[in-house]
Each structure stands twice: as C-alpha cells, then as structure tokens.
Amino acid sequence: MTVPCTAKMACPADNDCHYQLATEVFKLHCNYGYYGGDIHTKHAKSLAECAHKCSKSKGCFAATFVEQECHMKSNMTGRVYNPAAKSKLRERGGTGGAFEG
C-alpha cells in the first residue's frame, strides 16, 4: 500500500510517502542524499517544486533537496545519510521531459 504525502511533505513524519505528479510517482526519503549521477542543480523553494523540476528534466530519476537547492540525478546510487537532505525518487511514470532551461 502506498501512503500519499501530506501537503507539506514534512520530515520525518512523511518519510516513505508517495507524491503524485501527473503520471509520475515519487517517493520521499528523509535525511538521505544521493551523490553522483548529477545532471544539474537548480534553485527550488520547496521539495514539491524540486520534484516538479525533476519530472521536466530529461533523464532525471531522483532529486535531492538541500537548503533550497534541487540536485537532479540520473541514477539513485551513492545514498548517504544527511540530516538536512530530503530526496525524491521516481517510483513509476515517465523518463523525464525535455531539459528545463
């Protein structure tokens, strides 16, 4: 059973929740970042905005949100504990849209 995220996507309460964005579903991982596989980094005001940017970026399968920076990833390797990090991993859905400039 998948558990939907609350509107705020607060950690640690919403850890492992699922966030639906159109046809894509992302899973929240609190306190973990993913190193390597960097596509690009963009400013984002929220984790939801970061997930949206990832869904629109070609090849983005995960995004780590730390201090209003959205680090978009091409893979989900290099998982590292980071109490300031919140990561969203693409569970199912598309493979990302065109690069968002």
C-alpha atoms as a PDB file:
ATOM      1  CA  MET A   1       0.000   0.000   0.000  1.00  0.00           C
ATOM      2  CA  THR A   2       1.319   3.421  -0.904  1.00  0.00           C
ATOM      3  CA  VAL A   3       0.899   6.279   1.524  1.00  0.00           C
ATOM      4  CA  PRO A   4       0.357   9.737  -0.014  1.00  0.00           C
ATOM      5  CA  CYS A   5       2.443  12.631   1.238  1.00  0.00           C
ATOM      6  CA  THR A   6       0.846  15.424   3.232  1.00  0.00           C
ATOM      7  CA  ALA A   7       0.756  18.830   1.550  1.00  0.00           C
ATOM      8  CA  LYS A   8       3.839  19.979   3.460  1.00  0.00           C
ATOM      9  CA  MET A   9       5.911  16.816   2.924  1.00  0.00           C
ATOM     10  CA  ALA A  10       7.409  17.197   6.387  1.00  0.00           C
ATOM     11  CA  CYS A  11      10.282  15.059   7.577  1.00  0.00           C
ATOM     12  CA  PRO A  12      10.405  12.742   9.381  1.00  0.00           C
ATOM     13  CA  ALA A  13       6.587  12.344   9.534  1.00  0.00           C
ATOM     14  CA  ASP A  14       6.188  11.829   5.762  1.00  0.00           C
ATOM     15  CA  ASN A  15       9.196   9.557   5.232  1.00  0.00           C
ATOM     16  CA  ASP A  16       8.495   6.958   2.523  1.00  0.00           C
ATOM     17  CA  CYS A  17       5.312   8.720   1.379  1.00  0.00           C
ATOM     18  CA  HIS A  18       4.395   8.902  -2.316  1.00  0.00           C
ATOM     19  CA  TYR A  19       3.943  12.163  -4.229  1.00  0.00           C
ATOM     20  CA  GLN A  20       1.971  12.019  -7.481  1.00  0.00           C
ATOM     21  CA  LEU A  21       2.832  14.499 -10.202  1.00  0.00           C
ATOM     22  CA  ALA A  22       0.730  13.913 -13.333  1.00  0.00           C
ATOM     23  CA  THR A  23       1.530  10.328 -14.380  1.00  0.00           C
ATOM     24  CA  GLU A  24       4.711  10.108 -12.299  1.00  0.00           C
ATOM     25  CA  VAL A  25       5.045   8.991  -8.702  1.00  0.00           C
ATOM     26  CA  PHE A  26       7.951   9.994  -6.474  1.00  0.00           C
ATOM     27  CA  LYS A  27       8.844   8.500  -3.093  1.00  0.00           C
ATOM     28  CA  LEU A  28      10.220  10.703  -0.287  1.00  0.00           C
ATOM     29  CA  HIS A  29      13.342   9.647   1.578  1.00  0.00           C
ATOM     30  CA  CYS A  30      14.036  11.903   4.575  1.00  0.00           C
ATOM     31  CA  ASN A  31      17.592  12.538   5.757  1.00  0.00           C
ATOM     32  CA  TYR A  32      19.287  10.949   2.763  1.00  0.00           C
ATOM     33  CA  GLY A  33      21.038  12.460  -0.203  1.00  0.00           C
ATOM     34  CA  TYR A  34      22.315  10.814  -3.353  1.00  0.00           C
ATOM     35  CA  TYR A  35      25.804  11.629  -4.564  1.00  0.00           C
ATOM     36  CA  GLY A  36      26.973  11.154  -8.125  1.00  0.00           C
ATOM     37  CA  GLY A  37      24.851  10.961 -11.247  1.00  0.00           C
ATOM     38  CA  ASP A  38      24.435  14.749 -11.266  1.00  0.00           C
ATOM     39  CA  ILE A  39      22.501  16.183 -14.196  1.00  0.00           C
ATOM     40  CA  HIS A  40      22.280  19.758 -12.900  1.00  0.00           C
ATOM     41  CA  THR A  41      21.341  21.848  -9.875  1.00  0.00           C
ATOM     42  CA  LYS A  42      18.538  24.419  -9.773  1.00  0.00           C
ATOM     43  CA  HIS A  43      17.119  26.680  -7.086  1.00  0.00           C
ATOM     44  CA  ALA A  44      13.790  25.473  -5.688  1.00  0.00           C
ATOM     45  CA  LYS A  45      11.569  26.904  -2.959  1.00  0.00           C
ATOM     46  CA  SER A  46      10.214  23.521  -1.862  1.00  0.00           C
ATOM     47  CA  LEU A  47      10.623  19.795  -2.203  1.00  0.00           C
ATOM     48  CA  ALA A  48       7.463  19.706  -4.356  1.00  0.00           C
ATOM     49  CA  GLU A  49       8.983  22.280  -6.729  1.00  0.00           C
ATOM     50  CA  CYS A  50      12.169  20.199  -6.848  1.00  0.00           C
ATOM     51  CA  ALA A  51      10.174  17.070  -7.780  1.00  0.00           C
ATOM     52  CA  HIS A  52       8.401  19.062 -10.500  1.00  0.00           C
ATOM     53  CA  LYS A  53      11.728  20.259 -11.936  1.00  0.00           C
ATOM     54  CA  CYS A  54      12.995  16.681 -11.955  1.00  0.00           C
ATOM     55  CA  SER A  55       9.881  15.455 -13.767  1.00  0.00           C
ATOM     56  CA  LYS A  56      10.506  18.035 -16.513  1.00  0.00           C
ATOM     57  CA  SER A  57      14.227  17.296 -16.889  1.00  0.00           C
ATOM     58  CA  LYS A  58      15.325  14.638 -19.362  1.00  0.00           C
ATOM     59  CA  GLY A  59      16.875  11.643 -17.629  1.00  0.00           C
ATOM     60  CA  CYS A  60      16.098  12.770 -14.068  1.00  0.00           C
ATOM     61  CA  PHE A  61      15.272   9.771 -11.892  1.00  0.00           C
ATOM     62  CA  ALA A  62      15.923  11.297  -8.461  1.00  0.00           C
ATOM     63  CA  ALA A  63      16.321  14.699  -6.855  1.00  0.00           C
ATOM     64  CA  THR A  64      17.908  15.693  -3.568  1.00  0.00           C
ATOM     65  CA  PHE A  65      16.624  18.910  -1.977  1.00  0.00           C
ATOM     66  CA  VAL A  66      19.022  20.644   0.450  1.00  0.00           C
ATOM     67  CA  GLU A  67      18.842  24.304   1.526  1.00  0.00           C
ATOM     68  CA  GLN A  68      16.705  25.411  -1.461  1.00  0.00           C
ATOM     69  CA  GLU A  69      18.956  23.657  -3.968  1.00  0.00           C
ATOM     70  CA  CYS A  70      17.496  20.894  -6.134  1.00  0.00           C
ATOM     71  CA  HIS A  71      20.192  18.434  -7.194  1.00  0.00           C
ATOM     72  CA  MET A  72      18.802  16.387 -10.080  1.00  0.00           C
ATOM     73  CA  LYS A  73      20.213  12.905 -10.580  1.00  0.00           C
ATOM     74  CA  SER A  74      20.427  10.415 -13.422  1.00  0.00           C
ATOM     75  CA  ASN A  75      20.680   7.479 -11.022  1.00  0.00           C
ATOM     76  CA  MET A  76      19.967   6.555  -7.419  1.00  0.00           C
ATOM     77  CA  THR A  77      23.364   5.319  -6.286  1.00  0.00           C
ATOM     78  CA  GLY A  78      25.587   6.829  -3.617  1.00  0.00           C
ATOM     79  CA  ARG A  79      22.952   7.071  -0.874  1.00  0.00           C
ATOM     80  CA  VAL A  80      24.425   8.964   2.097  1.00  0.00           C
ATOM     81  CA  TYR A  81      22.859   9.991   5.409  1.00  0.00           C
ATOM     82  CA  ASN A  82      22.424  13.775   5.616  1.00  0.00           C
ATOM     83  CA  PRO A  83      20.025  15.184   8.245  1.00  0.00           C
ATOM     84  CA  ALA A  84      19.431  18.301   6.098  1.00  0.00           C
ATOM     85  CA  ALA A  85      18.533  16.377   2.935  1.00  0.00           C
ATOM     86  CA  LYS A  86      15.197  15.267   1.505  1.00  0.00           C
ATOM     87  CA  SER A  87      15.243  13.142  -1.619  1.00  0.00           C
ATOM     88  CA  LYS A  88      12.530  12.169  -4.072  1.00  0.00           C
ATOM     89  CA  LEU A  89      12.981   9.064  -6.174  1.00  0.00           C
ATOM     90  CA  ARG A  90      10.923   8.340  -9.267  1.00  0.00           C
ATOM     91  CA  GLU A  91       8.928   5.195  -8.460  1.00  0.00           C
ATOM     92  CA  ARG A  92       6.988   4.933 -11.691  1.00  0.00           C
ATOM     93  CA  GLY A  93       5.981   7.055 -14.630  1.00  0.00           C
ATOM     94  CA  GLY A  94       7.840   8.734 -17.447  1.00  0.00           C
ATOM     95  CA  THR A  95      11.552   9.099 -18.004  1.00  0.00           C
ATOM     96  CA  GLY A  96      11.582  12.869 -17.684  1.00  0.00           C
ATOM     97  CA  GLY A  97      10.628  15.516 -20.164  1.00  0.00           C
ATOM     98  CA  ALA A  98      12.746  17.880 -22.171  1.00  0.00           C
ATOM     99  CA  PHE A  99      15.535  19.741 -20.421  1.00  0.00           C
ATOM    100  CA  GLU A 100      14.144  22.671 -18.476  1.00  0.00           C
ATOM    101  CA  GLY A 101      16.410  25.630 -19.146  1.00  0.00           C
END
